[in-house]
């Protein structure tokens, strides 16, 4: 496997684990419920003890460790824009996992991000 392909796959792994962390944490927070200003101190402990929230943080940790490896090998100006692929994953996944509305405008913005990442990957 070429070094370029290996680096790209590592970036995708980091983005995927970060996105998964976001989705898992959202699921956990859906079970905790909305936190209003007056209940922060009461609800945050329950949130931090929620296994899905903890799992989300764990996935973020794995993503961050992989990102450290990536930063040691790849130009930041190439790698960092790839993180925006996580936005695409989260928008699409949120629609199907959480039944969140995804408007045409939001979808168009997601495709613009994809096009930008494509252009950067070609450089």
PDB file of N, CA and C in Angstrom:
ATOM      1  N   UNK A   1       0.858  -1.186   0.000  1.00  0.00           N
ATOM      2  CA  UNK A   1       0.000   0.000   0.000  1.00  0.00           C
ATOM      3  C   UNK A   1       0.896   1.239   0.000  1.00  0.00           C
ATOM      4  N   UNK A   2       0.543   2.182  -0.841  1.00  0.00           N
ATOM      5  CA  UNK A   2       1.355   3.396  -0.952  1.00  0.00           C
ATOM      6  C   UNK A   2       1.197   4.251   0.309  1.00  0.00           C
ATOM      7  N   UNK A   3       2.247   5.024   0.645  1.00  0.00           N
ATOM      8  CA  UNK A   3       2.149   5.903   1.823  1.00  0.00           C
ATOM      9  C   UNK A   3       0.999   6.903   1.711  1.00  0.00           C
ATOM     10  N   UNK A   4       0.732   7.406   0.508  1.00  0.00           N
ATOM     11  CA  UNK A   4      -0.346   8.370   0.321  1.00  0.00           C
ATOM     12  C   UNK A   4      -1.696   7.733   0.638  1.00  0.00           C
ATOM     13  N   UNK A   5      -1.915   6.521   0.156  1.00  0.00           N
ATOM     14  CA  UNK A   5      -3.168   5.820   0.432  1.00  0.00           C
ATOM     15  C   UNK A   5      -3.288   5.505   1.922  1.00  0.00           C
ATOM     16  N   UNK A   6      -2.189   5.094   2.526  1.00  0.00           N
ATOM     17  CA  UNK A   6      -2.207   4.780   3.960  1.00  0.00           C
ATOM     18  C   UNK A   6      -2.563   6.021   4.783  1.00  0.00           C
ATOM     19  N   UNK A   7      -1.970   7.152   4.430  1.00  0.00           N
ATOM     20  CA  UNK A   7      -2.277   8.404   5.134  1.00  0.00           C
ATOM     21  C   UNK A   7      -3.739   8.785   4.961  1.00  0.00           C
ATOM     22  N   UNK A   8      -4.249   8.647   3.731  1.00  0.00           N
ATOM     23  CA  UNK A   8      -5.647   8.981   3.469  1.00  0.00           C
ATOM     24  C   UNK A   8      -6.581   8.068   4.269  1.00  0.00           C
ATOM     25  N   UNK A   9      -6.261   6.795   4.345  1.00  0.00           N
ATOM     26  CA  UNK A   9      -7.093   5.864   5.124  1.00  0.00           C
ATOM     27  C   UNK A   9      -7.043   6.186   6.611  1.00  0.00           C
ATOM     28  N   UNK A  10      -5.885   6.604   7.091  1.00  0.00           N
ATOM     29  CA  UNK A  10      -5.790   7.008   8.504  1.00  0.00           C
ATOM     30  C   UNK A  10      -6.644   8.245   8.763  1.00  0.00           C
ATOM     31  N   UNK A  11      -6.637   9.188   7.835  1.00  0.00           N
ATOM     32  CA  UNK A  11      -7.481  10.381   7.980  1.00  0.00           C
ATOM     33  C   UNK A  11      -8.941   9.971   8.011  1.00  0.00           C
ATOM     34  N   UNK A  12      -9.342   9.098   7.103  1.00  0.00           N
ATOM     35  CA  UNK A  12     -10.737   8.635   7.080  1.00  0.00           C
ATOM     36  C   UNK A  12     -11.110   7.916   8.375  1.00  0.00           C
ATOM     37  N   UNK A  13     -10.187   7.124   8.916  1.00  0.00           N
ATOM     38  CA  UNK A  13     -10.453   6.438  10.178  1.00  0.00           C
ATOM     39  C   UNK A  13     -10.655   7.449  11.309  1.00  0.00           C
ATOM     40  N   UNK A  14      -9.801   8.457  11.357  1.00  0.00           N
ATOM     41  CA  UNK A  14      -9.925   9.478  12.391  1.00  0.00           C
ATOM     42  C   UNK A  14     -11.243  10.235  12.264  1.00  0.00           C
ATOM     43  N   UNK A  15     -11.596  10.589  11.040  1.00  0.00           N
ATOM     44  CA  UNK A  15     -12.861  11.303  10.811  1.00  0.00           C
ATOM     45  C   UNK A  15     -14.044  10.413  11.171  1.00  0.00           C
ATOM     46  N   UNK A  16     -13.975   9.140  10.791  1.00  0.00           N
ATOM     47  CA  UNK A  16     -15.074   8.213  11.081  1.00  0.00           C
ATOM     48  C   UNK A  16     -15.255   7.997  12.578  1.00  0.00           C
ATOM     49  N   UNK A  17     -14.155   7.838  13.314  1.00  0.00           N
ATOM     50  CA  UNK A  17     -14.298   7.622  14.759  1.00  0.00           C
ATOM     51  C   UNK A  17     -14.768   8.900  15.454  1.00  0.00           C
ATOM     52  N   UNK A  18     -14.323  10.050  14.988  1.00  0.00           N
ATOM     53  CA  UNK A  18     -14.814  11.308  15.555  1.00  0.00           C
ATOM     54  C   UNK A  18     -16.296  11.503  15.290  1.00  0.00           C
ATOM     55  N   UNK A  19     -16.732  11.183  14.075  1.00  0.00           N
ATOM     56  CA  UNK A  19     -18.153  11.299  13.731  1.00  0.00           C
ATOM     57  C   UNK A  19     -18.985  10.302  14.528  1.00  0.00           C
ATOM     58  N   UNK A  20     -18.480   9.091  14.646  1.00  0.00           N
ATOM     59  CA  UNK A  20     -19.193   8.082  15.441  1.00  0.00           C
ATOM     60  C   UNK A  20     -19.303   8.536  16.892  1.00  0.00           C
ATOM     61  N   UNK A  21     -18.249   9.155  17.403  1.00  0.00           N
ATOM     62  CA  UNK A  21     -18.294   9.683  18.763  1.00  0.00           C
ATOM     63  C   UNK A  21     -19.396  10.714  18.930  1.00  0.00           C
ATOM     64  N   UNK A  22     -19.534  11.572  17.942  1.00  0.00           N
ATOM     65  CA  UNK A  22     -20.580  12.596  17.974  1.00  0.00           C
ATOM     66  C   UNK A  22     -21.974  11.956  17.980  1.00  0.00           C
ATOM     67  N   UNK A  23     -22.164  10.952  17.144  1.00  0.00           N
ATOM     68  CA  UNK A  23     -23.463  10.287  17.039  1.00  0.00           C
ATOM     69  C   UNK A  23     -23.804   9.489  18.294  1.00  0.00           C
ATOM     70  N   UNK A  24     -22.814   8.797  18.836  1.00  0.00           N
ATOM     71  CA  UNK A  24     -23.034   8.016  20.053  1.00  0.00           C
ATOM     72  C   UNK A  24     -23.329   8.950  21.227  1.00  0.00           C
ATOM     73  N   UNK A  25     -22.601  10.061  21.293  1.00  0.00           N
ATOM     74  CA  UNK A  25     -22.842  11.023  22.368  1.00  0.00           C
ATOM     75  C   UNK A  25     -24.237  11.644  22.239  1.00  0.00           C
ATOM     76  N   UNK A  26     -24.670  11.929  21.036  1.00  0.00           N
ATOM     77  CA  UNK A  26     -26.015  12.463  20.828  1.00  0.00           C
ATOM     78  C   UNK A  26     -27.068  11.465  21.306  1.00  0.00           C
ATOM     79  N   UNK A  27     -26.867  10.194  21.000  1.00  0.00           N
ATOM     80  CA  UNK A  27     -27.798   9.176  21.484  1.00  0.00           C
ATOM     81  C   UNK A  27     -27.851   9.175  23.011  1.00  0.00           C
ATOM     82  N   UNK A  28     -26.694   9.259  23.622  1.00  0.00           N
ATOM     83  CA  UNK A  28     -26.646   9.313  25.085  1.00  0.00           C
ATOM     84  C   UNK A  28     -27.359  10.527  25.645  1.00  0.00           C
ATOM     85  N   UNK A  29     -27.153  11.668  25.024  1.00  0.00           N
ATOM     86  CA  UNK A  29     -27.795  12.884  25.511  1.00  0.00           C
ATOM     87  C   UNK A  29     -29.302  12.864  25.254  1.00  0.00           C
ATOM     88  N   UNK A  30     -29.732  12.165  24.216  1.00  0.00           N
ATOM     89  CA  UNK A  30     -31.175  11.995  24.013  1.00  0.00           C
ATOM     90  C   UNK A  30     -31.789  11.212  25.166  1.00  0.00           C
ATOM     91  N   UNK A  31     -31.039  10.264  25.722  1.00  0.00           N
ATOM     92  CA  UNK A  31     -31.565   9.503  26.858  1.00  0.00           C
ATOM     93  C   UNK A  31     -31.512  10.316  28.148  1.00  0.00           C
ATOM     94  N   UNK A  32     -30.545  11.198  28.268  1.00  0.00           N
ATOM     95  CA  UNK A  32     -30.453  12.065  29.455  1.00  0.00           C
ATOM     96  C   UNK A  32     -31.567  13.108  29.420  1.00  0.00           C
ATOM     97  N   UNK A  33     -31.823  13.652  28.246  1.00  0.00           N
ATOM     98  CA  UNK A  33     -32.856  14.677  28.097  1.00  0.00           C
ATOM     99  C   UNK A  33     -32.246  16.061  27.999  1.00  0.00           C
ATOM    100  N   UNK A  34     -33.100  17.016  27.668  1.00  0.00           N
ATOM    101  CA  UNK A  34     -32.649  18.399  27.529  1.00  0.00           C
ATOM    102  C   UNK A  34     -32.111  18.924  28.847  1.00  0.00           C
ATOM    103  N   UNK A  35     -31.064  19.723  28.739  1.00  0.00           N
ATOM    104  CA  UNK A  35     -30.485  20.352  29.928  1.00  0.00           C
ATOM    105  C   UNK A  35     -30.770  21.846  29.829  1.00  0.00           C
ATOM    106  N   UNK A  36     -31.587  22.341  30.729  1.00  0.00           N
ATOM    107  CA  UNK A  36     -31.915  23.760  30.768  1.00  0.00           C
ATOM    108  C   UNK A  36     -30.963  24.465  31.728  1.00  0.00           C
ATOM    109  N   UNK A  37     -30.859  25.763  31.606  1.00  0.00           N
ATOM    110  CA  UNK A  37     -29.881  26.544  32.368  1.00  0.00           C
ATOM    111  C   UNK A  37     -29.931  26.258  33.868  1.00  0.00           C
ATOM    112  N   UNK A  38     -31.092  26.117  34.421  1.00  0.00           N
ATOM    113  CA  UNK A  38     -31.203  25.918  35.863  1.00  0.00           C
ATOM    114  C   UNK A  38     -30.887  24.515  36.339  1.00  0.00           C
ATOM    115  N   UNK A  39     -30.725  23.563  35.410  1.00  0.00           N
ATOM    116  CA  UNK A  39     -30.502  22.175  35.808  1.00  0.00           C
ATOM    117  C   UNK A  39     -29.143  21.622  35.412  1.00  0.00           C
ATOM    118  N   UNK A  40     -28.242  22.491  35.010  1.00  0.00           N
ATOM    119  CA  UNK A  40     -26.943  22.018  34.543  1.00  0.00           C
ATOM    120  C   UNK A  40     -26.247  21.185  35.615  1.00  0.00           C
ATOM    121  N   UNK A  41     -26.173  21.685  36.812  1.00  0.00           N
ATOM    122  CA  UNK A  41     -25.458  20.969  37.878  1.00  0.00           C
ATOM    123  C   UNK A  41     -26.128  19.649  38.245  1.00  0.00           C
ATOM    124  N   UNK A  42     -27.436  19.570  38.066  1.00  0.00           N
ATOM    125  CA  UNK A  42     -28.136  18.335  38.387  1.00  0.00           C
ATOM    126  C   UNK A  42     -28.004  17.287  37.274  1.00  0.00           C
ATOM    127  N   UNK A  43     -28.024  17.722  36.019  1.00  0.00           N
ATOM    128  CA  UNK A  43     -28.052  16.770  34.903  1.00  0.00           C
ATOM    129  C   UNK A  43     -26.675  16.392  34.360  1.00  0.00           C
ATOM    130  N   UNK A  44     -25.684  17.248  34.513  1.00  0.00           N
ATOM    131  CA  UNK A  44     -24.373  16.915  33.952  1.00  0.00           C
ATOM    132  C   UNK A  44     -23.769  15.648  34.539  1.00  0.00           C
ATOM    133  N   UNK A  45     -23.881  15.406  35.852  1.00  0.00           N
ATOM    134  CA  UNK A  45     -23.347  14.132  36.357  1.00  0.00           C
ATOM    135  C   UNK A  45     -23.997  12.919  35.691  1.00  0.00           C
ATOM    136  N   UNK A  46     -25.312  12.968  35.496  1.00  0.00           N
ATOM    137  CA  UNK A  46     -25.991  11.860  34.813  1.00  0.00           C
ATOM    138  C   UNK A  46     -25.489  11.721  33.383  1.00  0.00           C
ATOM    139  N   UNK A  47     -25.237  12.851  32.738  1.00  0.00           N
ATOM    140  CA  UNK A  47     -24.730  12.809  31.363  1.00  0.00           C
ATOM    141  C   UNK A  47     -23.348  12.164  31.324  1.00  0.00           C
ATOM    142  N   UNK A  48     -22.469  12.563  32.227  1.00  0.00           N
ATOM    143  CA  UNK A  48     -21.115  12.021  32.227  1.00  0.00           C
ATOM    144  C   UNK A  48     -21.069  10.548  32.621  1.00  0.00           C
ATOM    145  N   UNK A  49     -22.089  10.069  33.303  1.00  0.00           N
ATOM    146  CA  UNK A  49     -22.137   8.660  33.692  1.00  0.00           C
ATOM    147  C   UNK A  49     -22.901   7.801  32.681  1.00  0.00           C
ATOM    148  N   UNK A  50     -23.515   8.424  31.703  1.00  0.00           N
ATOM    149  CA  UNK A  50     -24.248   7.695  30.683  1.00  0.00           C
ATOM    150  C   UNK A  50     -23.257   6.894  29.830  1.00  0.00           C
ATOM    151  N   UNK A  51     -23.482   5.602  29.641  1.00  0.00           N
ATOM    152  CA  UNK A  51     -22.510   4.797  28.880  1.00  0.00           C
ATOM    153  C   UNK A  51     -22.328   5.258  27.435  1.00  0.00           C
ATOM    154  N   UNK A  52     -23.375   5.803  26.828  1.00  0.00           N
ATOM    155  CA  UNK A  52     -23.237   6.287  25.458  1.00  0.00           C
ATOM    156  C   UNK A  52     -22.403   7.561  25.403  1.00  0.00           C
ATOM    157  N   UNK A  53     -22.591   8.424  26.357  1.00  0.00           N
ATOM    158  CA  UNK A  53     -21.768   9.640  26.410  1.00  0.00           C
ATOM    159  C   UNK A  53     -20.312   9.254  26.649  1.00  0.00           C
ATOM    160  N   UNK A  54     -20.085   8.342  27.566  1.00  0.00           N
ATOM    161  CA  UNK A  54     -18.717   7.875  27.824  1.00  0.00           C
ATOM    162  C   UNK A  54     -18.126   7.218  26.577  1.00  0.00           C
ATOM    163  N   UNK A  55     -18.940   6.426  25.879  1.00  0.00           N
ATOM    164  CA  UNK A  55     -18.479   5.805  24.638  1.00  0.00           C
ATOM    165  C   UNK A  55     -18.132   6.845  23.586  1.00  0.00           C
ATOM    166  N   UNK A  56     -18.939   7.909  23.519  1.00  0.00           N
ATOM    167  CA  UNK A  56     -18.644   8.994  22.585  1.00  0.00           C
ATOM    168  C   UNK A  56     -17.306   9.643  22.887  1.00  0.00           C
ATOM    169  N   UNK A  57     -17.051   9.883  24.181  1.00  0.00           N
ATOM    170  CA  UNK A  57     -15.759  10.451  24.560  1.00  0.00           C
ATOM    171  C   UNK A  57     -14.619   9.488  24.220  1.00  0.00           C
ATOM    172  N   UNK A  58     -14.859   8.194  24.414  1.00  0.00           N
ATOM    173  CA  UNK A  58     -13.839   7.197  24.078  1.00  0.00           C
ATOM    174  C   UNK A  58     -13.499   7.221  22.589  1.00  0.00           C
ATOM    175  N   UNK A  59     -14.536   7.305  21.752  1.00  0.00           N
ATOM    176  CA  UNK A  59     -14.305   7.382  20.313  1.00  0.00           C
ATOM    177  C   UNK A  59     -13.560   8.664  19.934  1.00  0.00           C
ATOM    178  N   UNK A  60     -13.908   9.771  20.593  1.00  0.00           N
ATOM    179  CA  UNK A  60     -13.162  11.021  20.368  1.00  0.00           C
ATOM    180  C   UNK A  60     -11.688  10.830  20.721  1.00  0.00           C
ATOM    181  N   UNK A  61     -11.430  10.125  21.814  1.00  0.00           N
ATOM    182  CA  UNK A  61     -10.048   9.877  22.236  1.00  0.00           C
ATOM    183  C   UNK A  61      -9.268   9.084  21.204  1.00  0.00           C
ATOM    184  N   UNK A  62      -9.895   8.037  20.666  1.00  0.00           N
ATOM    185  CA  UNK A  62      -9.249   7.241  19.621  1.00  0.00           C
ATOM    186  C   UNK A  62      -8.985   8.104  18.393  1.00  0.00           C
ATOM    187  N   UNK A  63      -9.958   8.916  18.035  1.00  0.00           N
ATOM    188  CA  UNK A  63      -9.805   9.815  16.898  1.00  0.00           C
ATOM    189  C   UNK A  63      -8.640  10.780  17.121  1.00  0.00           C
ATOM    190  N   UNK A  64      -8.543  11.317  18.325  1.00  0.00           N
ATOM    191  CA  UNK A  64      -7.466  12.266  18.633  1.00  0.00           C
ATOM    192  C   UNK A  64      -6.093  11.592  18.582  1.00  0.00           C
ATOM    193  N   UNK A  65      -6.003  10.373  19.076  1.00  0.00           N
ATOM    194  CA  UNK A  65      -4.720   9.661  19.012  1.00  0.00           C
ATOM    195  C   UNK A  65      -4.301   9.410  17.566  1.00  0.00           C
ATOM    196  N   UNK A  66      -5.252   9.004  16.747  1.00  0.00           N
ATOM    197  CA  UNK A  66      -4.945   8.796  15.329  1.00  0.00           C
ATOM    198  C   UNK A  66      -4.563  10.123  14.671  1.00  0.00           C
ATOM    199  N   UNK A  67      -5.233  11.196  15.088  1.00  0.00           N
ATOM    200  CA  UNK A  67      -4.931  12.509  14.503  1.00  0.00           C
ATOM    201  C   UNK A  67      -3.494  12.921  14.807  1.00  0.00           C
ATOM    202  N   UNK A  68      -3.005  12.569  15.980  1.00  0.00           N
ATOM    203  CA  UNK A  68      -1.616  12.874  16.319  1.00  0.00           C
ATOM    204  C   UNK A  68      -0.665  12.167  15.351  1.00  0.00           C
ATOM    205  N   UNK A  69      -0.957  10.914  15.029  1.00  0.00           N
ATOM    206  CA  UNK A  69      -0.134  10.179  14.067  1.00  0.00           C
ATOM    207  C   UNK A  69      -0.204  10.859  12.697  1.00  0.00           C
ATOM    208  N   UNK A  70      -1.404  11.227  12.295  1.00  0.00           N
ATOM    209  CA  UNK A  70      -1.595  11.888  10.998  1.00  0.00           C
ATOM    210  C   UNK A  70      -0.790  13.181  10.932  1.00  0.00           C
ATOM    211  N   UNK A  71      -0.867  13.990  11.989  1.00  0.00           N
ATOM    212  CA  UNK A  71      -0.151  15.267  11.985  1.00  0.00           C
ATOM    213  C   UNK A  71       1.354  15.082  11.890  1.00  0.00           C
ATOM    214  N   UNK A  72       1.854  13.946  12.328  1.00  0.00           N
ATOM    215  CA  UNK A  72       3.291  13.693  12.233  1.00  0.00           C
ATOM    216  C   UNK A  72       3.710  13.302  10.817  1.00  0.00           C
ATOM    217  N   UNK A  73       2.721  13.011   9.953  1.00  0.00           N
ATOM    218  CA  UNK A  73       3.041  12.469   8.641  1.00  0.00           C
ATOM    219  C   UNK A  73       2.553  13.304   7.450  1.00  0.00           C
ATOM    220  N   UNK A  74       1.527  14.137   7.678  1.00  0.00           N
ATOM    221  CA  UNK A  74       0.838  14.778   6.556  1.00  0.00           C
ATOM    222  C   UNK A  74       0.798  16.287   6.782  1.00  0.00           C
ATOM    223  N   UNK A  75       0.828  17.048   5.702  1.00  0.00           N
ATOM    224  CA  UNK A  75       0.673  18.492   5.805  1.00  0.00           C
ATOM    225  C   UNK A  75      -0.690  18.824   6.407  1.00  0.00           C
ATOM    226  N   UNK A  76      -0.692  19.701   7.362  1.00  0.00           N
ATOM    227  CA  UNK A  76      -1.941  20.107   8.013  1.00  0.00           C
ATOM    228  C   UNK A  76      -2.891  20.740   7.007  1.00  0.00           C
ATOM    229  N   UNK A  77      -2.355  21.488   6.058  1.00  0.00           N
ATOM    230  CA  UNK A  77      -3.199  22.148   5.062  1.00  0.00           C
ATOM    231  C   UNK A  77      -3.919  21.144   4.163  1.00  0.00           C
ATOM    232  N   UNK A  78      -3.432  19.923   4.095  1.00  0.00           N
ATOM    233  CA  UNK A  78      -4.111  18.851   3.373  1.00  0.00           C
ATOM    234  C   UNK A  78      -5.058  18.090   4.295  1.00  0.00           C
ATOM    235  N   UNK A  79      -4.579  17.737   5.477  1.00  0.00           N
ATOM    236  CA  UNK A  79      -5.332  16.861   6.363  1.00  0.00           C
ATOM    237  C   UNK A  79      -6.547  17.547   7.000  1.00  0.00           C
ATOM    238  N   UNK A  80      -6.370  18.765   7.463  1.00  0.00           N
ATOM    239  CA  UNK A  80      -7.436  19.394   8.248  1.00  0.00           C
ATOM    240  C   UNK A  80      -8.731  19.595   7.469  1.00  0.00           C
ATOM    241  N   UNK A  81      -8.688  20.015   6.210  1.00  0.00           N
ATOM    242  CA  UNK A  81      -9.958  20.131   5.484  1.00  0.00           C
ATOM    243  C   UNK A  81     -10.713  18.802   5.370  1.00  0.00           C
ATOM    244  N   UNK A  82      -9.989  17.693   5.435  1.00  0.00           N
ATOM    245  CA  UNK A  82     -10.644  16.381   5.377  1.00  0.00           C
ATOM    246  C   UNK A  82     -11.556  16.143   6.586  1.00  0.00           C
ATOM    247  N   UNK A  83     -11.275  16.832   7.674  1.00  0.00           N
ATOM    248  CA  UNK A  83     -12.112  16.702   8.876  1.00  0.00           C
ATOM    249  C   UNK A  83     -13.552  17.097   8.562  1.00  0.00           C
ATOM    250  N   UNK A  84     -13.723  17.971   7.582  1.00  0.00           N
ATOM    251  CA  UNK A  84     -15.078  18.410   7.237  1.00  0.00           C
ATOM    252  C   UNK A  84     -15.928  17.273   6.682  1.00  0.00           C
ATOM    253  N   UNK A  85     -15.313  16.178   6.274  1.00  0.00           N
ATOM    254  CA  UNK A  85     -16.099  15.016   5.860  1.00  0.00           C
ATOM    255  C   UNK A  85     -16.958  14.511   7.016  1.00  0.00           C
ATOM    256  N   UNK A  86     -16.511  14.775   8.227  1.00  0.00           N
ATOM    257  CA  UNK A  86     -17.305  14.404   9.397  1.00  0.00           C
ATOM    258  C   UNK A  86     -18.652  15.109   9.409  1.00  0.00           C
ATOM    259  N   UNK A  87     -18.693  16.338   8.899  1.00  0.00           N
ATOM    260  CA  UNK A  87     -19.967  17.052   8.816  1.00  0.00           C
ATOM    261  C   UNK A  87     -20.940  16.298   7.925  1.00  0.00           C
ATOM    262  N   UNK A  88     -20.424  15.782   6.830  1.00  0.00           N
ATOM    263  CA  UNK A  88     -21.257  15.047   5.885  1.00  0.00           C
ATOM    264  C   UNK A  88     -21.807  13.791   6.545  1.00  0.00           C
ATOM    265  N   UNK A  89     -20.928  13.043   7.202  1.00  0.00           N
ATOM    266  CA  UNK A  89     -21.346  11.815   7.879  1.00  0.00           C
ATOM    267  C   UNK A  89     -22.404  12.108   8.932  1.00  0.00           C
ATOM    268  N   UNK A  90     -22.197  13.148   9.713  1.00  0.00           N
ATOM    269  CA  UNK A  90     -23.126  13.475  10.795  1.00  0.00           C
ATOM    270  C   UNK A  90     -24.470  13.960  10.248  1.00  0.00           C
ATOM    271  N   UNK A  91     -24.458  14.778   9.204  1.00  0.00           N
ATOM    272  CA  UNK A  91     -25.724  15.264   8.642  1.00  0.00           C
ATOM    273  C   UNK A  91     -26.560  14.099   8.125  1.00  0.00           C
ATOM    274  N   UNK A  92     -25.936  13.237   7.343  1.00  0.00           N
ATOM    275  CA  UNK A  92     -26.677  12.110   6.769  1.00  0.00           C
ATOM    276  C   UNK A  92     -27.108  11.130   7.860  1.00  0.00           C
ATOM    277  N   UNK A  93     -26.206  10.820   8.774  1.00  0.00           N
ATOM    278  CA  UNK A  93     -26.535   9.875   9.847  1.00  0.00           C
ATOM    279  C   UNK A  93     -27.617  10.417  10.775  1.00  0.00           C
ATOM    280  N   UNK A  94     -27.569  11.711  11.045  1.00  0.00           N
ATOM    281  CA  UNK A  94     -28.585  12.317  11.928  1.00  0.00           C
ATOM    282  C   UNK A  94     -29.971  12.195  11.327  1.00  0.00           C
ATOM    283  N   UNK A  95     -30.049  12.275  10.021  1.00  0.00           N
ATOM    284  CA  UNK A  95     -31.345  12.136   9.348  1.00  0.00           C
ATOM    285  C   UNK A  95     -31.935  10.749   9.588  1.00  0.00           C
ATOM    286  N   UNK A  96     -31.095   9.730   9.462  1.00  0.00           N
ATOM    287  CA  UNK A  96     -31.589   8.357   9.556  1.00  0.00           C
ATOM    288  C   UNK A  96     -31.617   7.808  10.985  1.00  0.00           C
ATOM    289  N   UNK A  97     -30.657   8.199  11.800  1.00  0.00           N
ATOM    290  CA  UNK A  97     -30.600   7.678  13.172  1.00  0.00           C
ATOM    291  C   UNK A  97     -31.522   8.421  14.134  1.00  0.00           C
ATOM    292  N   UNK A  98     -31.643   9.740  13.950  1.00  0.00           N
ATOM    293  CA  UNK A  98     -32.399  10.554  14.895  1.00  0.00           C
ATOM    294  C   UNK A  98     -33.621  11.213  14.266  1.00  0.00           C
ATOM    295  N   UNK A  99     -33.870  10.896  13.016  1.00  0.00           N
ATOM    296  CA  UNK A  99     -35.012  11.449  12.287  1.00  0.00           C
ATOM    297  C   UNK A  99     -35.004  12.976  12.294  1.00  0.00           C
ATOM    298  N   UNK A 100     -33.809  13.551  12.193  1.00  0.00           N
ATOM    299  CA  UNK A 100     -33.679  15.007  12.151  1.00  0.00           C
ATOM    300  C   UNK A 100     -33.993  15.509  10.745  1.00  0.00           C
ATOM    301  N   UNK A 101     -34.598  16.682  10.634  1.00  0.00           N
ATOM    302  CA  UNK A 101     -34.890  17.212   9.296  1.00  0.00           C
ATOM    303  C   UNK A 101     -33.608  17.647   8.590  1.00  0.00           C
ATOM    304  N   UNK A 102     -33.492  17.261   7.333  1.00  0.00           N
ATOM    305  CA  UNK A 102     -32.365  17.693   6.509  1.00  0.00           C
ATOM    306  C   UNK A 102     -32.971  18.390   5.301  1.00  0.00           C
ATOM    307  N   UNK A 103     -32.910  19.701   5.335  1.00  0.00           N
ATOM    308  CA  UNK A 103     -33.511  20.503   4.265  1.00  0.00           C
ATOM    309  C   UNK A 103     -32.654  20.439   3.010  1.00  0.00           C
ATOM    310  N   UNK A 104     -33.220  20.879   1.927  1.00  0.00           N
ATOM    311  CA  UNK A 104     -32.496  20.918   0.659  1.00  0.00           C
ATOM    312  C   UNK A 104     -31.272  21.834   0.766  1.00  0.00           C
ATOM    313  N   UNK A 105     -31.424  22.943   1.472  1.00  0.00           N
ATOM    314  CA  UNK A 105     -30.305  23.864   1.647  1.00  0.00           C
ATOM    315  C   UNK A 105     -29.178  23.208   2.452  1.00  0.00           C
ATOM    316  N   UNK A 106     -29.526  22.484   3.494  1.00  0.00           N
ATOM    317  CA  UNK A 106     -28.521  21.789   4.295  1.00  0.00           C
ATOM    318  C   UNK A 106     -27.833  20.718   3.460  1.00  0.00           C
ATOM    319  N   UNK A 107     -28.602  20.017   2.660  1.00  0.00           N
ATOM    320  CA  UNK A 107     -28.042  18.991   1.792  1.00  0.00           C
ATOM    321  C   UNK A 107     -27.112  19.607   0.748  1.00  0.00           C
ATOM    322  N   UNK A 108     -27.502  20.747   0.188  1.00  0.00           N
ATOM    323  CA  UNK A 108     -26.650  21.441  -0.789  1.00  0.00           C
ATOM    324  C   UNK A 108     -25.331  21.858  -0.141  1.00  0.00           C
ATOM    325  N   UNK A 109     -25.389  22.368   1.079  1.00  0.00           N
ATOM    326  CA  UNK A 109     -24.163  22.733   1.788  1.00  0.00           C
ATOM    327  C   UNK A 109     -23.267  21.534   2.014  1.00  0.00           C
ATOM    328  N   UNK A 110     -23.871  20.400   2.287  1.00  0.00           N
ATOM    329  CA  UNK A 110     -23.114  19.161   2.487  1.00  0.00           C
ATOM    330  C   UNK A 110     -22.397  18.764   1.198  1.00  0.00           C
ATOM    331  N   UNK A 111     -23.065  18.894   0.060  1.00  0.00           N
ATOM    332  CA  UNK A 111     -22.430  18.570  -1.212  1.00  0.00           C
ATOM    333  C   UNK A 111     -21.316  19.561  -1.554  1.00  0.00           C
ATOM    334  N   UNK A 112     -21.465  20.821  -1.186  1.00  0.00           N
ATOM    335  CA  UNK A 112     -20.397  21.804  -1.393  1.00  0.00           C
ATOM    336  C   UNK A 112     -19.161  21.399  -0.595  1.00  0.00           C
ATOM    337  N   UNK A 113     -19.367  20.932   0.628  1.00  0.00           N
ATOM    338  CA  UNK A 113     -18.245  20.452   1.450  1.00  0.00           C
ATOM    339  C   UNK A 113     -17.546  19.290   0.751  1.00  0.00           C
ATOM    340  N   UNK A 114     -18.332  18.344   0.247  1.00  0.00           N
ATOM    341  CA  UNK A 114     -17.753  17.190  -0.454  1.00  0.00           C
ATOM    342  C   UNK A 114     -16.914  17.628  -1.652  1.00  0.00           C
ATOM    343  N   UNK A 115     -17.431  18.586  -2.398  1.00  0.00           N
ATOM    344  CA  UNK A 115     -16.701  19.083  -3.569  1.00  0.00           C
ATOM    345  C   UNK A 115     -15.400  19.751  -3.145  1.00  0.00           C
ATOM    346  N   UNK A 116     -15.441  20.523  -2.087  1.00  0.00           N
ATOM    347  CA  UNK A 116     -14.222  21.154  -1.578  1.00  0.00           C
ATOM    348  C   UNK A 116     -13.184  20.146  -1.135  1.00  0.00           C
ATOM    349  N   UNK A 117     -13.613  19.108  -0.444  1.00  0.00           N
ATOM    350  CA  UNK A 117     -12.688  18.067  -0.012  1.00  0.00           C
ATOM    351  C   UNK A 117     -12.104  17.350  -1.230  1.00  0.00           C
ATOM    352  N   UNK A 118     -12.934  17.116  -2.225  1.00  0.00           N
ATOM    353  CA  UNK A 118     -12.445  16.493  -3.461  1.00  0.00           C
ATOM    354  C   UNK A 118     -11.337  17.343  -4.091  1.00  0.00           C
ATOM    355  N   UNK A 119     -11.557  18.648  -4.189  1.00  0.00           N
ATOM    356  CA  UNK A 119     -10.555  19.532  -4.785  1.00  0.00           C
ATOM    357  C   UNK A 119      -9.255  19.503  -3.998  1.00  0.00           C
ATOM    358  N   UNK A 120      -9.361  19.533  -2.678  1.00  0.00           N
ATOM    359  CA  UNK A 120      -8.147  19.501  -1.848  1.00  0.00           C
ATOM    360  C   UNK A 120      -7.419  18.174  -2.003  1.00  0.00           C
ATOM    361  N   UNK A 121      -8.164  17.081  -2.094  1.00  0.00           N
ATOM    362  CA  UNK A 121      -7.530  15.771  -2.204  1.00  0.00           C
ATOM    363  C   UNK A 121      -6.772  15.614  -3.534  1.00  0.00           C
ATOM    364  N   UNK A 122      -7.129  16.409  -4.525  1.00  0.00           N
ATOM    365  CA  UNK A 122      -6.472  16.347  -5.820  1.00  0.00           C
ATOM    366  C   UNK A 122      -5.153  17.116  -5.836  1.00  0.00           C
ATOM    367  N   UNK A 123      -4.888  17.894  -4.814  1.00  0.00           N
ATOM    368  CA  UNK A 123      -3.669  18.720  -4.817  1.00  0.00           C
ATOM    369  C   UNK A 123      -2.473  17.987  -4.257  1.00  0.00           C
TER     370      UNK A 123
END
